Amino acid sequence: MRVFKFGGASIKDADGVKNLLSVLEKKGYEDTLIVVSAMGKTTNAIELVLNNYFHNKSELQSSIQEIKKYHNGILLDLFEDEGHKVFGKISELFNELDHFFKINKSPDYNFVYDQVIGYGELVSTTIISNYLEEQGFKNNWIDVREFIKTDNYYRRANVDWNATQSNISKNINKYVLNITQGFLGSDANNFTTTLGREGSDYTAAIFAFCLNAESVTIWKDVPGVLNADPRYFENAQLLNKISYREAIELAFYGASVIHPKTLQPLQRKEIPLHVKSFLDPQKAGTVVGREIGIDPEVPCYILKQNQVLLSLSTLDFSYIMEENISEIFNLLHLYKMKVDVIQNSAISFSVCFDNTYNNLEKLLHHLKAKFKVSCDENVSLYTIRHFDDESIKQLESNKTVLLKQILSETVQIVTK
């Protein structure tokens, strides 16, 4: 069995949905499971809905209406008959969303986020499943929340592998075309959970692992895995082959093409991962597998923006010892900060992290009781794998370097 994953950019409009069908025609669709993201920028649009729900109720319905309008336009382009059953199904999903906002009593943003954000995926897969059926491609639409079980760490849930394996192996028909949602799961109480932003790749890997799939293919708007994001770096090059280890390293440091958790289950069963262009599906793209290193061997650049850099020292200029570092990390864990770089000397400790949960002020309040604290927000973290002197020199040009850390194969530079 094969697993295909299509991201939001690949299905942002009716032409994208039609192209998905074209990819299936060219690459085959029997014994295949398709994981699909929300269409276009729908996830961002639903985040605006959430913001309005909590902070600007007067704009709530208009922001929902914009999402309905966007998807209705795609429906009208795909289905000639406005009486087609898919229109009713999509209407039902939006009614569910409206109903949730009316009955919800929870003030917890993270919980509400997970109950709402997945409607993008539920709508996109419903539209695509019905369109494929209309075009003669029989398929089985499945609700991923009935298969992937997690804890209740909302917005970054951890998979319950035993329950998930049991659900998938017992209930998925491997011999038909299946279509399901990326990014989502459910907890023990059947509340919706999410696997983290860009988690649809991870969803594909979870299904591949549990189904012992022969391969996973991620269909992107780029020709494969590049050595740099072309939005931020010039002259990006295609990487033809990458080892699991190298891909995990790149993902860990923030490479946007592959989700950080995606590679681990694939590596355990040596399931190859292909990254290909949905615009040119016959091209080879990039394969991630057992190969050693990368081909070609070139520096790989990764940028993470909107980071926070904290520099800490003790109030009495005593050494930063193990107990200090332990306390700092306990607080970082408490406030759900994702650490990207650490650096320490005898009397100072620096850490660069994502403030995903907007807990920075609480963290600073705690730390200032025991440490002298310097905080820089909205900094950029650059990582270069397989660096050389020239790549560092070019990167640092016209930037203020706040922190630099050089390891044998990797350099990380925090700039303002």
Protein backbone atom coordinates (compact mmCIF):
# COMPACT_ATOMS: atom_id res chain seq x y z
CA MET A 1 0.00 0.00 0.00
CA ARG A 2 1.11 3.57 -0.71
CA VAL A 3 0.39 6.77 1.18
CA PHE A 4 0.08 10.11 -0.63
CA LYS A 5 -0.09 13.46 1.14
CA PHE A 6 -1.39 16.61 -0.55
CA GLY A 7 -0.83 19.96 1.16
CA GLY A 8 -2.98 23.06 1.07
CA ALA A 9 -1.10 24.68 -1.80
CA SER A 10 -1.84 21.71 -4.06
CA ILE A 11 -5.63 22.03 -3.60
CA LYS A 12 -6.05 25.78 -3.13
CA ASP A 13 -8.67 25.99 -5.91
CA ALA A 14 -10.75 23.87 -8.28
CA ASP A 15 -7.83 23.50 -10.70
CA GLY A 16 -5.76 22.11 -7.85
CA VAL A 17 -8.40 19.49 -7.06
CA LYS A 18 -8.55 18.55 -10.74
CA ASN A 19 -4.76 18.28 -10.78
CA LEU A 20 -4.90 15.93 -7.78
CA LEU A 21 -7.09 13.66 -9.88
CA SER A 22 -4.58 13.97 -12.74
CA VAL A 23 -1.75 12.90 -10.40
CA LEU A 24 -3.74 9.84 -9.37
CA GLU A 25 -4.39 8.99 -13.02
CA LYS A 26 -0.67 9.19 -13.81
CA LYS A 27 0.69 7.48 -10.68
CA GLY A 28 -2.15 5.01 -9.99
CA TYR A 29 -4.63 5.06 -7.16
CA GLU A 30 -5.42 1.48 -6.18
CA ASP A 31 -4.22 0.34 -2.75
CA THR A 32 -3.60 3.98 -1.87
CA LEU A 33 -4.42 6.17 1.12
CA ILE A 34 -4.52 9.93 0.57
CA VAL A 35 -3.92 12.36 3.43
CA VAL A 36 -5.17 15.88 2.67
CA SER A 37 -4.61 19.26 4.33
CA ALA A 38 -7.00 22.20 4.45
CA MET A 39 -7.38 24.08 1.18
CA GLY A 40 -5.05 27.01 0.51
CA LYS A 41 -4.78 29.33 3.52
CA THR A 42 -7.88 27.99 5.27
CA THR A 43 -6.04 27.17 8.49
CA ASN A 44 -4.89 30.79 8.75
CA ALA A 45 -8.46 31.92 8.07
CA ILE A 46 -9.81 29.70 10.85
CA GLU A 47 -7.17 31.10 13.21
CA LEU A 48 -8.66 34.53 12.47
CA VAL A 49 -12.09 33.09 13.34
CA LEU A 50 -10.67 31.90 16.65
CA ASN A 51 -9.17 35.29 17.36
CA ASN A 52 -12.54 36.91 16.69
CA TYR A 53 -14.31 34.37 18.91
CA PHE A 54 -12.09 35.29 21.85
CA HIS A 55 -11.42 38.97 21.22
CA ASN A 56 -13.77 40.43 18.60
CA LYS A 57 -17.14 38.67 18.63
CA SER A 58 -18.74 41.24 16.32
CA GLU A 59 -16.52 39.98 13.47
CA LEU A 60 -16.96 36.26 14.17
CA GLN A 61 -19.74 35.51 11.69
CA SER A 62 -18.24 37.58 8.89
CA SER A 63 -14.91 35.73 9.22
CA ILE A 64 -16.73 32.39 9.08
CA GLN A 65 -18.70 33.62 6.08
CA GLU A 66 -15.46 34.36 4.21
CA ILE A 67 -14.39 30.72 4.64
CA LYS A 68 -17.80 29.47 3.48
CA LYS A 69 -17.64 31.76 0.44
CA TYR A 70 -14.16 30.53 -0.49
CA HIS A 71 -15.14 26.87 -0.37
CA ASN A 72 -18.48 27.48 -2.08
CA GLY A 73 -16.60 29.01 -5.01
CA ILE A 74 -14.54 25.85 -5.34
CA LEU A 75 -17.68 23.70 -5.12
CA LEU A 76 -19.39 25.67 -7.89
CA ASP A 77 -16.33 25.24 -10.13
CA LEU A 78 -16.20 21.48 -9.52
CA PHE A 79 -19.88 20.45 -9.53
CA GLU A 80 -22.31 21.55 -12.25
CA ASP A 81 -25.36 20.45 -10.25
CA GLU A 82 -25.89 22.70 -7.22
CA GLY A 83 -28.21 20.01 -5.88
CA HIS A 84 -25.28 17.59 -5.55
CA LYS A 85 -25.15 15.97 -2.11
CA VAL A 86 -21.73 17.50 -1.40
CA PHE A 87 -23.28 20.96 -0.95
CA GLY A 88 -25.42 19.61 1.88
CA LYS A 89 -22.46 17.83 3.48
CA ILE A 90 -20.37 21.01 3.52
CA SER A 91 -23.30 22.97 4.92
CA GLU A 92 -23.62 20.42 7.72
CA LEU A 93 -19.95 20.81 8.63
CA PHE A 94 -20.25 24.60 8.88
CA ASN A 95 -23.42 24.16 10.96
CA GLU A 96 -21.40 21.98 13.34
CA LEU A 97 -18.82 24.75 13.60
CA ASP A 98 -21.48 27.37 14.34
CA HIS A 99 -23.06 25.06 16.93
CA PHE A 100 -19.75 24.56 18.71
CA PHE A 101 -19.28 28.30 19.16
CA LYS A 102 -22.81 28.55 20.60
CA ILE A 103 -22.44 25.76 23.17
CA ASN A 104 -18.76 26.01 24.11
CA LYS A 105 -18.10 26.93 27.73
CA SER A 106 -14.34 26.38 27.82
CA PRO A 107 -12.13 29.47 28.12
CA ASP A 108 -9.04 27.40 27.21
CA TYR A 109 -7.76 28.72 23.87
CA ASN A 110 -5.74 25.57 23.14
CA PHE A 111 -8.75 23.29 23.65
CA VAL A 112 -11.03 25.51 21.54
CA TYR A 113 -8.33 25.77 18.86
CA ASP A 114 -8.23 22.02 18.40
CA GLN A 115 -12.02 21.64 18.28
CA VAL A 116 -12.30 24.27 15.55
CA ILE A 117 -9.15 24.25 13.41
CA GLY A 118 -9.74 20.81 11.87
CA TYR A 119 -12.86 21.88 9.98
CA GLY A 120 -10.53 22.97 7.18
CA GLU A 121 -9.42 19.37 6.69
CA LEU A 122 -12.92 17.93 7.14
CA VAL A 123 -14.27 20.27 4.44
CA SER A 124 -11.39 19.74 1.99
CA THR A 125 -11.51 15.94 2.18
CA THR A 126 -15.29 15.93 1.81
CA ILE A 127 -15.08 18.05 -1.34
CA ILE A 128 -12.25 15.99 -2.84
CA SER A 129 -13.83 12.63 -1.98
CA ASN A 130 -17.10 13.61 -3.64
CA TYR A 131 -15.33 15.07 -6.68
CA LEU A 132 -13.29 11.90 -7.19
CA GLU A 133 -16.45 9.83 -6.88
CA GLU A 134 -18.19 12.08 -9.44
CA GLN A 135 -15.29 11.45 -11.84
CA GLY A 136 -15.54 7.68 -11.43
CA PHE A 137 -12.83 7.26 -8.79
CA LYS A 138 -14.54 5.20 -6.08
CA ASN A 139 -13.06 5.98 -2.69
CA ASN A 140 -13.59 5.55 1.01
CA TRP A 141 -13.77 8.79 3.09
CA ILE A 142 -12.60 8.16 6.63
CA ASP A 143 -12.57 10.37 9.72
CA VAL A 144 -8.99 10.33 10.95
CA ARG A 145 -10.14 11.08 14.50
CA GLU A 146 -11.54 7.56 14.73
CA PHE A 147 -8.11 6.11 13.96
CA ILE A 148 -5.34 8.28 15.40
CA LYS A 149 -5.66 8.44 19.18
CA THR A 150 -3.62 10.85 21.28
CA ASP A 151 -3.27 12.37 24.72
CA ASN A 152 -4.94 15.72 25.46
CA TYR A 153 -1.91 17.94 24.93
CA TYR A 154 -3.93 20.26 22.74
CA ARG A 155 -2.21 21.81 19.69
CA ARG A 156 0.75 19.40 20.00
CA ALA A 157 -0.74 16.06 20.94
CA ASN A 158 1.29 12.88 21.43
CA VAL A 159 0.18 9.74 19.61
CA ASP A 160 -1.05 6.70 21.52
CA TRP A 161 0.68 4.23 19.24
CA ASN A 162 -0.93 1.06 20.61
CA ALA A 163 -4.49 2.31 20.22
CA THR A 164 -3.71 3.91 16.85
CA GLN A 165 -2.06 0.76 15.49
CA SER A 166 -5.03 -1.33 16.57
CA ASN A 167 -7.58 1.05 15.03
CA ILE A 168 -5.78 1.32 11.69
CA SER A 169 -4.80 -2.32 11.23
CA LYS A 170 -8.32 -3.57 12.08
CA ASN A 171 -10.43 -1.02 10.25
CA ILE A 172 -8.64 0.23 7.12
CA ASN A 173 -9.40 -1.56 3.85
CA LYS A 174 -6.00 -1.62 2.14
CA TYR A 175 -7.38 -2.59 -1.24
CA VAL A 176 -9.36 0.55 -2.06
CA LEU A 177 -8.62 4.26 -2.46
CA ASN A 178 -8.93 5.86 0.99
CA ILE A 179 -9.01 9.58 1.72
CA THR A 180 -8.57 11.16 5.14
CA GLN A 181 -7.53 14.32 6.95
CA GLY A 182 -4.06 15.34 8.00
CA PHE A 183 -3.09 17.06 11.24
CA LEU A 184 -5.92 15.67 13.42
CA GLY A 185 -6.52 13.01 16.05
CA SER A 186 -8.70 12.58 19.13
CA ASP A 187 -8.13 11.99 22.84
CA ALA A 188 -9.66 9.40 25.18
CA ASN A 189 -12.80 11.55 25.51
CA ASN A 190 -13.10 11.85 21.71
CA PHE A 191 -12.30 15.55 21.73
CA THR A 192 -10.39 16.58 18.62
CA THR A 193 -6.64 17.07 18.99
CA THR A 194 -3.98 18.31 16.58
CA LEU A 195 -0.44 17.10 15.97
CA GLY A 196 1.11 20.56 15.56
CA ARG A 197 1.12 22.93 12.60
CA GLU A 198 2.20 21.22 9.37
CA GLY A 199 1.31 17.91 11.04
CA SER A 200 -0.28 16.37 7.93
CA ASP A 201 3.10 14.92 6.89
CA TYR A 202 3.23 13.23 10.29
CA THR A 203 -0.28 11.85 9.75
CA ALA A 204 0.91 10.24 6.51
CA ALA A 205 3.85 8.67 8.33
CA ILE A 206 1.60 7.33 11.11
CA PHE A 207 -0.66 5.58 8.61
CA ALA A 208 2.34 4.29 6.64
CA PHE A 209 3.88 2.82 9.77
CA CYS A 210 0.66 1.15 10.91
CA LEU A 211 -0.15 -0.18 7.42
CA ASN A 212 3.42 -1.30 6.62
CA ALA A 213 3.19 0.83 3.49
CA GLU A 214 5.67 0.47 0.66
CA SER A 215 6.23 4.24 0.43
CA VAL A 216 5.03 7.72 1.37
CA THR A 217 4.88 10.54 -1.19
CA ILE A 218 4.46 14.16 -0.19
CA TRP A 219 3.21 16.26 -3.11
CA LYS A 220 4.52 19.84 -2.93
CA ASP A 221 4.69 22.98 -5.07
CA VAL A 222 8.48 22.57 -5.25
CA PRO A 223 10.43 19.92 -7.23
CA GLY A 224 11.54 18.12 -4.05
CA VAL A 225 13.60 18.88 -0.97
CA LEU A 226 15.76 21.92 -1.62
CA ASN A 227 18.89 22.92 0.25
CA ALA A 228 17.18 26.21 1.18
CA ASP A 229 13.75 27.82 1.17
CA PRO A 230 13.62 29.81 -2.09
CA ARG A 231 11.44 32.45 -0.40
CA TYR A 232 14.42 33.51 1.72
CA PHE A 233 17.53 32.23 -0.07
CA GLU A 234 18.69 32.62 -3.65
CA ASN A 235 19.87 29.79 -5.91
CA ALA A 236 18.26 26.94 -3.97
CA GLN A 237 19.32 23.49 -5.23
CA LEU A 238 17.39 20.23 -5.42
CA LEU A 239 18.63 17.43 -3.17
CA ASN A 240 18.24 14.15 -5.06
CA LYS A 241 18.78 11.79 -2.13
CA ILE A 242 18.85 12.26 1.63
CA SER A 243 19.46 9.73 4.38
CA TYR A 244 16.87 9.33 7.14
CA ARG A 245 19.39 10.70 9.64
CA GLU A 246 20.15 13.78 7.56
CA ALA A 247 16.46 14.45 6.93
CA ILE A 248 15.74 14.15 10.66
CA GLU A 249 18.54 16.62 11.37
CA LEU A 250 17.16 19.09 8.82
CA ALA A 251 13.63 18.68 10.15
CA PHE A 252 14.80 19.11 13.75
CA TYR A 253 16.42 22.43 12.88
CA GLY A 254 13.23 23.59 11.18
CA ALA A 255 13.39 22.69 7.48
CA SER A 256 9.86 23.41 6.26
CA VAL A 257 9.54 20.66 3.65
CA ILE A 258 9.40 17.77 6.14
CA HIS A 259 7.65 17.80 9.53
CA PRO A 260 10.07 17.05 12.42
CA LYS A 261 8.17 13.94 13.59
CA THR A 262 7.54 12.50 10.14
CA LEU A 263 10.81 10.64 9.62
CA GLN A 264 11.00 8.67 12.85
CA PRO A 265 8.23 6.11 12.19
CA LEU A 266 9.33 5.78 8.57
CA GLN A 267 12.93 5.08 9.56
CA ARG A 268 11.87 2.39 12.02
CA LYS A 269 10.37 0.34 9.18
CA GLU A 270 12.66 1.69 6.44
CA ILE A 271 9.72 3.06 4.46
CA PRO A 272 11.06 5.41 1.77
CA LEU A 273 9.73 8.96 1.64
CA HIS A 274 9.38 10.69 -1.72
CA VAL A 275 8.97 14.46 -2.02
CA LYS A 276 7.67 15.39 -5.46
CA SER A 277 6.07 18.23 -7.38
CA PHE A 278 2.34 17.99 -7.98
CA LEU A 279 2.94 20.25 -10.99
CA ASP A 280 5.30 17.72 -12.61
CA PRO A 281 4.54 14.33 -11.02
CA GLN A 282 6.69 12.32 -13.43
CA LYS A 283 9.92 13.98 -12.20
CA ALA A 284 11.98 11.97 -9.71
CA GLY A 285 11.93 14.56 -6.92
CA THR A 286 13.77 13.69 -3.70
CA VAL A 287 13.90 10.31 -2.02
CA VAL A 288 14.62 9.96 1.69
CA GLY A 289 15.86 6.52 2.64
CA ARG A 290 18.81 4.44 3.79
CA GLU A 291 21.36 6.36 1.75
CA ILE A 292 24.25 8.01 3.60
CA GLY A 293 24.37 11.82 3.78
CA ILE A 294 22.97 13.97 1.00
CA ASP A 295 23.35 14.11 -2.78
CA PRO A 296 24.64 16.58 -3.87
CA GLU A 297 26.80 17.54 -0.90
CA VAL A 298 26.07 21.25 -0.51
CA PRO A 299 25.38 23.54 2.48
CA CYS A 300 21.74 23.41 3.62
CA TYR A 301 20.16 26.61 4.97
CA ILE A 302 17.24 26.83 7.40
CA LEU A 303 15.56 29.96 8.73
CA LYS A 304 13.25 30.21 11.76
CA GLN A 305 11.74 33.64 12.31
CA ASN A 306 9.99 35.28 15.28
CA GLN A 307 12.21 33.58 17.84
CA VAL A 308 13.01 34.72 21.38
CA LEU A 309 16.60 34.89 22.68
CA LEU A 310 17.09 34.94 26.45
CA SER A 311 20.46 35.55 28.07
CA LEU A 312 20.65 34.74 31.78
CA SER A 313 23.26 35.22 34.49
CA THR A 314 23.14 34.82 38.24
CA LEU A 315 22.44 37.92 40.32
CA ASP A 316 25.60 37.43 42.40
CA PHE A 317 27.82 36.48 39.42
CA SER A 318 28.25 32.96 40.72
CA TYR A 319 28.66 30.08 38.28
CA ILE A 320 25.71 28.76 36.28
CA MET A 321 25.63 25.24 37.64
CA GLU A 322 23.58 22.11 37.02
CA GLU A 323 20.87 23.12 39.48
CA ASN A 324 20.46 26.48 37.70
CA ILE A 325 20.19 24.85 34.30
CA SER A 326 17.74 22.28 35.65
CA GLU A 327 15.52 25.04 37.05
CA ILE A 328 15.64 26.98 33.77
CA PHE A 329 14.61 23.95 31.74
CA ASN A 330 11.83 23.09 34.17
CA LEU A 331 10.41 26.57 33.59
CA LEU A 332 10.82 26.31 29.81
CA HIS A 333 8.92 23.03 29.97
CA LEU A 334 6.25 24.48 32.27
CA TYR A 335 5.53 27.31 29.85
CA LYS A 336 5.72 25.09 26.75
CA MET A 337 8.68 26.78 25.08
CA LYS A 338 10.24 24.82 22.22
CA VAL A 339 13.99 25.21 22.61
CA ASP A 340 16.09 25.53 19.44
CA VAL A 341 19.54 26.61 20.69
CA ILE A 342 21.30 26.63 24.06
CA GLN A 343 24.70 28.04 24.91
CA ASN A 344 26.35 28.45 28.29
CA SER A 345 29.57 29.74 29.83
CA ALA A 346 30.75 29.89 33.44
CA ILE A 347 28.40 32.72 34.47
CA SER A 348 25.85 32.98 31.65
CA PHE A 349 23.28 30.87 29.87
CA SER A 350 21.55 31.70 26.57
CA VAL A 351 18.56 29.99 25.03
CA CYS A 352 16.65 30.61 21.78
CA PHE A 353 13.10 29.29 21.53
CA ASP A 354 9.60 29.49 20.01
CA ASN A 355 7.01 31.28 22.12
CA THR A 356 4.16 29.30 20.52
CA TYR A 357 1.86 29.48 23.53
CA ASN A 358 2.47 33.19 24.30
CA ASN A 359 3.74 32.49 27.80
CA LEU A 360 6.82 34.70 27.59
CA GLU A 361 5.74 37.25 30.22
CA LYS A 362 5.00 34.49 32.75
CA LEU A 363 8.37 32.90 32.06
CA LEU A 364 10.23 36.20 32.45
CA HIS A 365 8.44 36.92 35.73
CA HIS A 366 9.68 33.60 37.12
CA LEU A 367 13.24 33.94 35.83
CA LYS A 368 13.78 37.53 37.02
CA ALA A 369 13.32 36.41 40.60
CA LYS A 370 16.61 34.50 40.46
CA PHE A 371 18.52 35.66 37.39
CA LYS A 372 19.60 38.77 35.55
CA VAL A 373 17.64 38.48 32.29
CA SER A 374 18.19 40.01 28.85
CA CYS A 375 15.44 39.32 26.31
CA ASP A 376 15.42 39.87 22.54
CA GLU A 377 12.15 39.16 20.75
CA ASN A 378 11.49 38.68 17.02
CA VAL A 379 15.01 37.47 16.29
CA SER A 380 15.89 35.14 13.42
CA LEU A 381 17.62 31.80 13.83
CA TYR A 382 19.70 30.59 10.88
CA THR A 383 21.03 27.05 10.71
CA ILE A 384 23.55 25.82 8.12
CA ARG A 385 24.17 22.10 7.81
CA HIS A 386 27.46 21.15 6.09
CA PHE A 387 28.64 24.74 6.28
CA ASP A 388 31.83 26.24 4.91
CA ASP A 389 33.47 29.60 5.59
CA GLU A 390 31.88 31.21 2.57
CA SER A 391 28.34 30.18 3.54
CA ILE A 392 28.79 31.69 7.02
CA LYS A 393 30.27 34.88 5.61
CA GLN A 394 27.38 35.37 3.19
CA LEU A 395 24.80 34.69 5.88
CA GLU A 396 26.25 37.16 8.37
CA SER A 397 26.52 39.95 5.82
CA ASN A 398 24.55 43.07 6.87
CA LYS A 399 23.16 41.38 10.00
CA THR A 400 23.71 41.92 13.74
CA VAL A 401 24.85 38.59 15.18
CA LEU A 402 23.56 38.00 18.72
CA LEU A 403 24.71 34.39 19.14
CA LYS A 404 26.77 31.93 17.13
CA GLN A 405 27.29 28.25 17.84
CA ILE A 406 29.53 26.08 15.66
CA LEU A 407 29.48 22.28 15.79
CA SER A 408 31.28 19.81 13.54
CA GLU A 409 28.59 19.79 10.81
CA THR A 410 26.23 22.55 11.86
CA VAL A 411 26.42 26.26 12.63
CA GLN A 412 23.54 28.18 14.21
CA ILE A 413 23.41 31.97 14.16
CA VAL A 414 20.86 34.20 15.90
CA THR A 415 20.50 37.62 14.30
CA LYS A 416 18.53 40.79 14.84
